[in-house]
Protein backbone atom coordinates (compact mmCIF):
# COMPACT_ATOMS: atom_id res chain seq x y z
CA UNK A 1 -4.36 11.19 7.30
CA UNK A 2 -6.21 8.12 5.93
CA UNK A 3 -4.21 4.35 6.62
CA UNK A 4 -0.62 4.19 6.35
CA UNK A 5 0.30 2.82 2.98
CA UNK A 6 3.45 2.32 2.20
CA UNK A 7 4.93 3.46 -0.94
CA UNK A 8 8.21 1.14 -1.66
CA UNK A 9 11.46 2.97 -3.42
CA UNK A 10 11.28 0.95 -6.30
CA UNK A 11 7.11 1.65 -7.01
CA UNK A 12 7.83 4.84 -6.99
CA UNK A 13 10.73 5.26 -8.74
CA UNK A 14 7.78 3.32 -11.35
CA UNK A 15 5.29 5.99 -11.27
CA UNK A 16 7.69 8.90 -11.67
CA UNK A 17 9.09 7.47 -14.87
CA UNK A 18 5.66 7.09 -16.47
CA UNK A 19 4.07 10.11 -14.75
CA UNK A 20 6.63 12.63 -14.29
CA UNK A 21 8.54 13.46 -11.38
CA UNK A 22 6.66 14.00 -8.56
CA UNK A 23 3.58 12.32 -9.67
CA UNK A 24 1.92 9.35 -8.08
CA UNK A 25 -1.13 8.99 -10.26
CA UNK A 26 -1.83 10.44 -13.79
CA UNK A 27 -2.26 13.72 -15.33
CA UNK A 28 0.62 15.54 -14.62
CA UNK A 29 0.32 19.30 -14.20
CA UNK A 30 -2.49 19.06 -16.71
CA UNK A 31 -4.62 17.66 -14.13
CA UNK A 32 -3.61 19.46 -11.62
CA UNK A 33 -4.92 23.05 -13.71
CA UNK A 34 -8.08 21.31 -14.25
CA UNK A 35 -8.75 20.50 -10.49
CA UNK A 36 -8.35 23.74 -9.99
CA UNK A 37 -9.81 25.30 -12.66
CA UNK A 38 -11.33 28.42 -12.60
CA UNK A 39 -10.47 29.29 -8.73
CA UNK A 40 -8.54 32.07 -7.84
CA UNK A 41 -5.81 30.76 -5.65
CA UNK A 42 -4.19 34.02 -5.53
CA UNK A 43 -2.53 34.73 -1.89
CA UNK A 44 -4.62 31.61 -0.27
CA UNK A 45 -2.81 29.26 1.43
CA UNK A 46 -3.43 25.65 0.94
CA UNK A 47 -3.65 22.11 2.72
CA UNK A 48 -2.26 19.29 0.13
CA UNK A 49 -3.16 16.15 1.60
CA UNK A 50 -1.49 12.79 0.69
CA UNK A 51 1.12 15.02 -1.05
CA UNK A 52 3.11 11.78 -2.30
CA UNK A 53 6.54 13.46 -3.82
CA UNK A 54 5.33 16.83 -4.40
CA UNK A 55 4.22 17.12 -7.96
CA UNK A 56 1.25 18.69 -7.75
CA UNK A 57 2.08 21.40 -4.82
CA UNK A 58 4.76 22.26 -7.21
CA UNK A 59 2.32 23.15 -9.52
CA UNK A 60 0.12 24.87 -7.24
CA UNK A 61 2.94 26.74 -6.07
CA UNK A 62 4.63 27.64 -9.27
CA UNK A 63 1.70 28.73 -11.01
CA UNK A 64 -1.00 29.69 -9.14
CA UNK A 65 0.12 32.14 -6.96
CA UNK A 66 -0.64 31.04 -3.94
CA UNK A 67 1.25 32.16 -0.51
CA UNK A 68 1.80 29.04 0.88
CA UNK A 69 0.97 25.18 0.89
CA UNK A 70 1.53 22.60 3.76
CA UNK A 71 2.06 19.37 1.87
CA UNK A 72 1.60 16.65 4.09
CA UNK A 73 2.05 12.53 3.70
CA UNK A 74 2.14 9.66 5.94
CA UNK A 75 5.60 8.25 4.38
CA UNK A 76 8.75 10.00 5.09
CA UNK A 77 10.40 9.10 2.17
CA UNK A 78 7.95 10.48 0.21
CA UNK A 79 8.42 14.09 1.89
CA UNK A 80 12.03 14.10 1.15
CA UNK A 81 11.75 13.67 -2.14
CA UNK A 82 9.28 16.32 -2.17
CA UNK A 83 11.51 18.44 -0.83
CA UNK A 84 14.14 18.05 -3.63
CA UNK A 85 11.60 17.96 -5.76
CA UNK A 86 10.12 21.69 -4.76
CA UNK A 87 13.89 22.93 -4.59
CA UNK A 88 14.09 22.04 -8.18
CA UNK A 89 11.45 23.75 -9.04
CA UNK A 90 12.40 26.93 -7.35
CA UNK A 91 9.37 26.61 -5.09
CA UNK A 92 11.03 25.39 -1.29
CA UNK A 93 10.25 28.36 0.32
CA UNK A 94 6.57 28.42 -0.65
CA UNK A 95 6.03 24.80 0.24
CA UNK A 96 6.58 23.01 3.65
CA UNK A 97 6.66 19.55 3.56
CA UNK A 98 5.34 18.00 7.07
CA UNK A 99 4.94 14.32 8.19
CA UNK A 100 1.62 13.39 9.98
CA UNK A 101 0.14 10.38 11.70
CA UNK A 102 -2.83 8.42 10.15
CA UNK A 103 -5.89 10.05 12.25
CA UNK A 104 -7.52 13.39 12.49
CA UNK A 105 -5.65 16.20 10.81
CA UNK A 106 -3.32 17.70 13.35
CA UNK A 107 -4.45 21.42 12.80
CA UNK A 108 -7.27 23.94 14.23
CA UNK A 109 -10.23 25.08 13.37
CA UNK A 110 -10.34 27.41 10.46
CA UNK A 111 -6.77 27.29 9.09
CA UNK A 112 -7.02 27.00 5.72
CA UNK A 113 -8.29 28.70 2.24
CA UNK A 114 -8.44 25.84 0.09
CA UNK A 115 -7.76 22.16 0.69
CA UNK A 116 -6.53 20.33 -2.03
CA UNK A 117 -5.96 16.49 -2.73
CA UNK A 118 -4.95 14.34 -5.42
CA UNK A 119 -5.62 10.76 -5.59
CA UNK A 120 -4.91 9.95 -2.47
CA UNK A 121 -8.47 9.59 -0.70
CA UNK A 122 -8.89 6.26 -1.77
CA UNK A 123 -6.71 5.85 0.97
CA UNK A 124 -8.96 6.28 3.57
CA UNK A 125 -11.48 4.11 4.75
CA UNK A 126 -13.65 6.44 6.94
CA UNK A 127 -14.74 8.95 4.27
CA UNK A 128 -17.41 10.20 6.50
CA UNK A 129 -14.53 11.38 8.99
CA UNK A 130 -12.33 12.41 6.15
CA UNK A 131 -14.70 15.13 4.73
CA UNK A 132 -15.86 16.09 8.30
CA UNK A 133 -12.12 17.28 9.35
CA UNK A 134 -11.52 18.65 5.84
CA UNK A 135 -14.43 21.04 6.45
CA UNK A 136 -13.33 21.70 10.22
CA UNK A 137 -9.68 23.30 8.97
CA UNK A 138 -11.11 25.30 6.42
CA UNK A 139 -11.67 28.56 6.78
CA UNK A 140 -15.76 29.70 6.41
CA UNK A 141 -15.94 30.28 2.59
CA UNK A 142 -12.68 27.96 2.46
CA UNK A 143 -12.52 25.54 -0.72
CA UNK A 144 -12.45 21.87 -1.18
CA UNK A 145 -10.86 20.90 -4.62
CA UNK A 146 -9.58 16.99 -5.10
CA UNK A 147 -9.26 14.07 -7.46
CA UNK A 148 -10.13 10.92 -6.25
CA UNK A 149 -11.07 7.38 -7.09
CA UNK A 150 -14.49 6.57 -7.23
CA UNK A 151 -16.41 3.61 -8.44
CA UNK A 152 -19.23 3.24 -10.61
CA UNK A 153 -22.30 1.18 -9.89
CA UNK A 154 -21.14 -2.07 -11.21
CA UNK A 155 -17.84 -2.03 -8.95
CA UNK A 156 -18.79 -4.87 -6.54
CA UNK A 157 -19.74 -6.74 -9.47
CA UNK A 158 -17.08 -6.33 -12.12
CA UNK A 159 -14.27 -8.83 -12.13
CA UNK A 160 -12.27 -6.41 -13.83
CA UNK A 161 -12.39 -4.76 -10.71
CA UNK A 162 -11.36 -7.52 -8.87
CA UNK A 163 -8.87 -8.73 -10.62
CA UNK A 164 -7.19 -4.86 -10.56
CA UNK A 165 -7.99 -5.65 -6.72
CA UNK A 166 -6.01 -8.90 -6.67
CA UNK A 167 -2.80 -8.20 -8.74
CA UNK A 168 -2.08 -4.80 -6.86
CA UNK A 169 -2.62 -6.12 -3.51
CA UNK A 170 -4.97 -2.80 -2.54
CA UNK A 171 -7.88 -2.47 -0.13
CA UNK A 172 -9.46 0.63 -1.67
CA UNK A 173 -13.05 1.56 0.00
CA UNK A 174 -14.93 2.58 -2.92
CA UNK A 175 -17.46 5.35 -2.96
CA UNK A 176 -19.71 6.61 -6.35
CA UNK A 177 -19.98 10.05 -6.98
CA UNK A 178 -23.44 10.30 -5.38
CA UNK A 179 -22.73 8.64 -2.08
CA UNK A 180 -19.61 11.09 -2.13
CA UNK A 181 -21.75 13.58 -2.99
CA UNK A 182 -24.42 12.79 -0.27
CA UNK A 183 -21.35 12.63 2.25
CA UNK A 184 -19.98 15.75 1.81
CA UNK A 185 -23.71 17.25 2.50
CA UNK A 186 -23.71 15.35 5.53
CA UNK A 187 -20.68 16.74 6.88
CA UNK A 188 -21.88 19.94 5.82
CA UNK A 189 -19.96 21.45 2.68
CA UNK A 190 -22.11 23.59 0.07
CA UNK A 191 -21.86 23.79 -3.82
CA UNK A 192 -21.28 20.69 -4.48
CA UNK A 193 -20.04 19.67 -7.24
CA UNK A 194 -18.43 15.78 -9.49
CA UNK A 195 -17.03 15.84 -12.49
CA UNK A 196 -16.95 12.16 -13.96
CA UNK A 197 -13.33 12.12 -15.55
CA UNK A 198 -13.73 7.93 -16.45
CA UNK A 199 -13.06 8.63 -20.23
CA UNK A 200 -10.55 10.57 -19.80
CA UNK A 201 -8.67 8.51 -17.35
CA UNK A 202 -9.32 5.47 -19.86
CA UNK A 203 -8.05 7.10 -23.33
CA UNK A 204 -4.67 8.19 -20.89
CA UNK A 205 -4.46 5.34 -19.06
CA UNK A 206 -4.48 2.82 -22.84
CA UNK A 207 -1.47 5.64 -23.59
CA UNK A 208 0.10 5.03 -20.64
CA UNK A 209 0.40 0.88 -20.84
CA UNK A 210 1.63 1.10 -24.41
CA UNK A 211 4.72 3.41 -23.04
CA UNK A 212 5.15 1.38 -20.15
CA UNK A 213 4.98 -1.72 -22.47
CA UNK A 214 6.74 0.28 -25.02
CA UNK A 215 9.93 2.73 -24.74
CA UNK A 216 9.61 2.77 -21.21
CA UNK A 217 9.96 -0.79 -20.64
CA UNK A 218 13.81 -0.85 -20.68
CA UNK A 219 13.93 1.88 -17.94
CA UNK A 220 10.76 -0.03 -15.89
CA UNK A 221 12.83 -3.09 -15.92
CA UNK A 222 16.70 -1.53 -15.09
CA UNK A 223 14.32 0.10 -11.97
CA UNK A 224 12.50 -2.62 -10.41
CA UNK A 225 13.98 -5.70 -12.53
CA UNK A 226 11.91 -8.04 -15.11
CA UNK A 227 9.23 -9.73 -12.29
CA UNK A 228 8.33 -6.12 -11.26
CA UNK A 229 7.82 -5.16 -14.33
CA UNK A 230 6.12 -7.65 -15.79
CA UNK A 231 3.99 -8.25 -12.75
CA UNK A 232 2.95 -4.22 -13.17
CA UNK A 233 2.28 -4.46 -16.61
CA UNK A 234 -0.48 -6.82 -15.90
CA UNK A 235 -1.69 -4.33 -12.65
CA UNK A 236 -1.85 -1.38 -14.89
CA UNK A 237 -3.68 -3.64 -17.84
CA UNK A 238 -6.32 -4.69 -14.87
CA UNK A 239 -6.80 -0.88 -13.75
CA UNK A 240 -7.14 0.12 -17.36
CA UNK A 241 -10.01 -1.97 -18.22
CA UNK A 242 -11.33 -1.38 -14.91
CA UNK A 243 -11.86 2.63 -15.79
CA UNK A 244 -12.85 0.76 -19.37
CA UNK A 245 -16.26 -1.09 -18.07
CA UNK A 246 -16.96 1.59 -15.71
CA UNK A 247 -15.68 0.20 -12.28
CA UNK A 248 -13.42 3.07 -11.71
CA UNK A 249 -14.04 6.37 -11.87
CA UNK A 250 -12.07 9.16 -11.04
CA UNK A 251 -13.94 12.16 -10.32
CA UNK A 252 -13.11 16.19 -9.58
CA UNK A 253 -14.63 16.77 -6.24
CA UNK A 254 -15.49 20.36 -5.40
CA UNK A 255 -17.40 22.17 -2.17
CA UNK A 256 -17.06 25.21 -0.11
CA UNK A 257 -17.96 25.70 3.99
CA UNK A 258 -20.55 27.75 4.37
CA UNK A 259 -19.55 31.17 5.84
CA UNK A 260 -22.60 30.85 8.61
């Protein structure tokens, strides 16, 4: 797994207020459906990397006919929320939540039919290593389907992105879509596809900021306090501005493991 990124309880609560129970990144169930659109998951075994509080795994388990999902993360309290969310959704038997340590994936070669991840790979510093690990644990012919926060050609020079990084305290390692494709190819993936979601993300972020500053304001302040709320509004505004100028480009990624 990637770097040990800690999500405090009030941060998780804020994210779920805005994005829904089980979701620590934007788009909710519809975006999960978009990530796996046109992929037949019936009877497949799935590894969900960076599962957080379980929303994406719950959607996959409840709607896609999968046989089993192993949902992994490095933060135990997130996994506990995931267990509770899965039980509430009636898919507790299909989703197994497991705590893992940062580092190589603790699974054997050729274990999963599909590896899925929603907006968690941004936390991995060594992209080459995680793509090689994903390929290793996939069965021949298996598919990798994910979304990740990628950068644009202007990310390193964007004042909007610099402000977001300063306000948020994150230390993301960014790649462009071209760099991600090259890294996946070097790792051994075939049939690599990328799908830019920048425009969708910017529109959604505008709406979410209006909700955060409007009808969700009191609920968010009750969860975190006025000071944290005010600071977070600035973080979300900087995030939006980064997307508007193209420095933040959420992207869907796909690739398959060659059969031979």
